[in-house]
Amino acid sequence: MITAGRFQNLKELIEKINSNFYARYNYKNNKQYSYQIILQDNLQQLSNFISDKKKELEIIIPTINLDREDYLKLREKILSMNEFEIIFFAYCYLLQIQQID
């Protein structure tokens, strides 16, 4: 069973992932793109390389600055989760992504 404290931890984790996933970063020609778009572009390039549509593979990962203190606390919360809580978190996150799209 997930307690109120654990549920709050899961909610905070989802919020942190979303804030970074939809934040804007410099990518290709110093234009601002969300990490979601960057990930899709890199996956498309990988797909083209695997299917022989392109002869070269160029994966670009922009520099991302993180507030380390905040993420250490988040890491501790993740490490303290049991298997059920991790599965529940993944399920909640996927539901939230589907609602956004």
Protein backbone atom coordinates (compact mmCIF):
# COMPACT_ATOMS: atom_id res chain seq x y z
CA MET A 1 0.00 0.00 0.00
CA ILE A 2 1.22 3.48 -0.81
CA THR A 3 1.14 5.93 2.07
CA ALA A 4 0.38 9.63 1.67
CA GLY A 5 4.08 10.45 2.12
CA ARG A 6 5.13 7.96 -0.54
CA PHE A 7 2.44 9.24 -2.91
CA GLN A 8 3.78 12.78 -2.41
CA ASN A 9 7.29 11.51 -3.26
CA LEU A 10 5.97 9.96 -6.48
CA LYS A 11 4.16 13.17 -7.36
CA GLU A 12 7.34 15.21 -6.81
CA LEU A 13 9.31 12.78 -8.98
CA ILE A 14 6.82 13.16 -11.84
CA GLU A 15 6.94 16.95 -11.52
CA LYS A 16 10.77 16.96 -11.66
CA ILE A 17 10.83 14.77 -14.75
CA ASN A 18 8.22 16.94 -16.47
CA SER A 19 10.00 20.18 -15.63
CA ASN A 20 13.19 18.90 -17.25
CA PHE A 21 11.48 17.12 -20.13
CA TYR A 22 9.62 20.23 -21.28
CA ALA A 23 12.34 22.76 -20.46
CA ARG A 24 14.07 24.41 -23.42
CA TYR A 25 17.69 23.69 -24.34
CA ASN A 26 20.04 24.85 -27.09
CA TYR A 27 20.08 22.30 -29.88
CA LYS A 28 21.14 22.43 -33.54
CA ASN A 29 22.04 25.94 -34.68
CA ASN A 30 21.62 27.23 -31.10
CA LYS A 31 17.84 27.17 -31.35
CA GLN A 32 15.72 26.36 -28.30
CA TYR A 33 13.95 22.99 -28.29
CA SER A 34 12.28 20.94 -25.57
CA TYR A 35 14.06 17.78 -24.50
CA GLN A 36 11.08 15.83 -25.82
CA ILE A 37 11.71 17.15 -29.35
CA ILE A 38 15.47 16.56 -29.01
CA LEU A 39 14.86 12.96 -27.97
CA GLN A 40 12.47 12.40 -30.89
CA ASP A 41 14.99 13.87 -33.33
CA ASN A 42 17.82 11.68 -32.03
CA LEU A 43 15.62 8.59 -32.20
CA GLN A 44 14.64 9.45 -35.78
CA GLN A 45 18.31 9.77 -36.71
CA LEU A 46 19.03 6.40 -35.09
CA SER A 47 16.13 4.86 -37.01
CA ASN A 48 17.41 6.30 -40.30
CA PHE A 49 20.89 4.96 -39.58
CA ILE A 50 19.61 1.46 -38.73
CA SER A 51 17.44 1.33 -41.85
CA ASP A 52 20.38 2.48 -44.04
CA LYS A 53 18.70 5.73 -45.00
CA LYS A 54 21.74 7.56 -43.64
CA LYS A 55 25.36 6.47 -43.62
CA GLU A 56 26.38 8.47 -40.54
CA LEU A 57 24.89 8.71 -37.07
CA GLU A 58 25.09 11.95 -35.14
CA ILE A 59 23.50 11.92 -31.69
CA ILE A 60 23.52 15.34 -30.04
CA ILE A 61 22.82 15.67 -26.34
CA PRO A 62 22.63 19.29 -25.15
CA THR A 63 24.24 20.43 -21.94
CA ILE A 64 21.71 20.43 -19.13
CA ASN A 65 22.34 22.24 -15.85
CA LEU A 66 20.76 20.65 -12.79
CA ASP A 67 20.41 21.85 -9.22
CA ARG A 68 22.40 19.01 -7.66
CA GLU A 69 21.19 19.37 -4.07
CA ASP A 70 17.58 18.99 -5.13
CA TYR A 71 18.33 15.90 -7.19
CA LEU A 72 20.24 14.20 -4.40
CA LYS A 73 17.10 14.37 -2.27
CA LEU A 74 15.06 13.04 -5.17
CA ARG A 75 17.57 10.21 -5.69
CA GLU A 76 17.22 9.20 -2.04
CA LYS A 77 13.43 9.10 -2.45
CA ILE A 78 13.72 6.90 -5.54
CA LEU A 79 16.14 4.54 -3.82
CA SER A 80 13.78 4.18 -0.87
CA MET A 81 10.89 2.99 -3.09
CA ASN A 82 9.88 -0.65 -3.21
CA GLU A 83 9.09 -2.47 -6.48
CA PHE A 84 5.36 -1.82 -6.28
CA GLU A 85 5.89 1.91 -5.80
CA ILE A 86 8.25 2.08 -8.77
CA ILE A 87 5.72 0.28 -11.00
CA PHE A 88 2.94 2.54 -9.69
CA PHE A 89 5.08 5.61 -10.43
CA ALA A 90 5.78 4.42 -13.98
CA TYR A 91 2.07 3.80 -14.52
CA CYS A 92 1.11 7.25 -13.20
CA TYR A 93 3.78 8.89 -15.33
CA LEU A 94 2.60 7.14 -18.48
CA LEU A 95 -0.99 8.17 -17.76
CA GLN A 96 0.11 11.76 -17.34
CA ILE A 97 2.04 11.69 -20.64
CA GLN A 98 -1.05 10.35 -22.45
CA GLN A 99 -3.20 13.15 -21.00
CA ILE A 100 -0.73 15.79 -22.26
CA ASP A 101 -0.63 14.39 -25.80
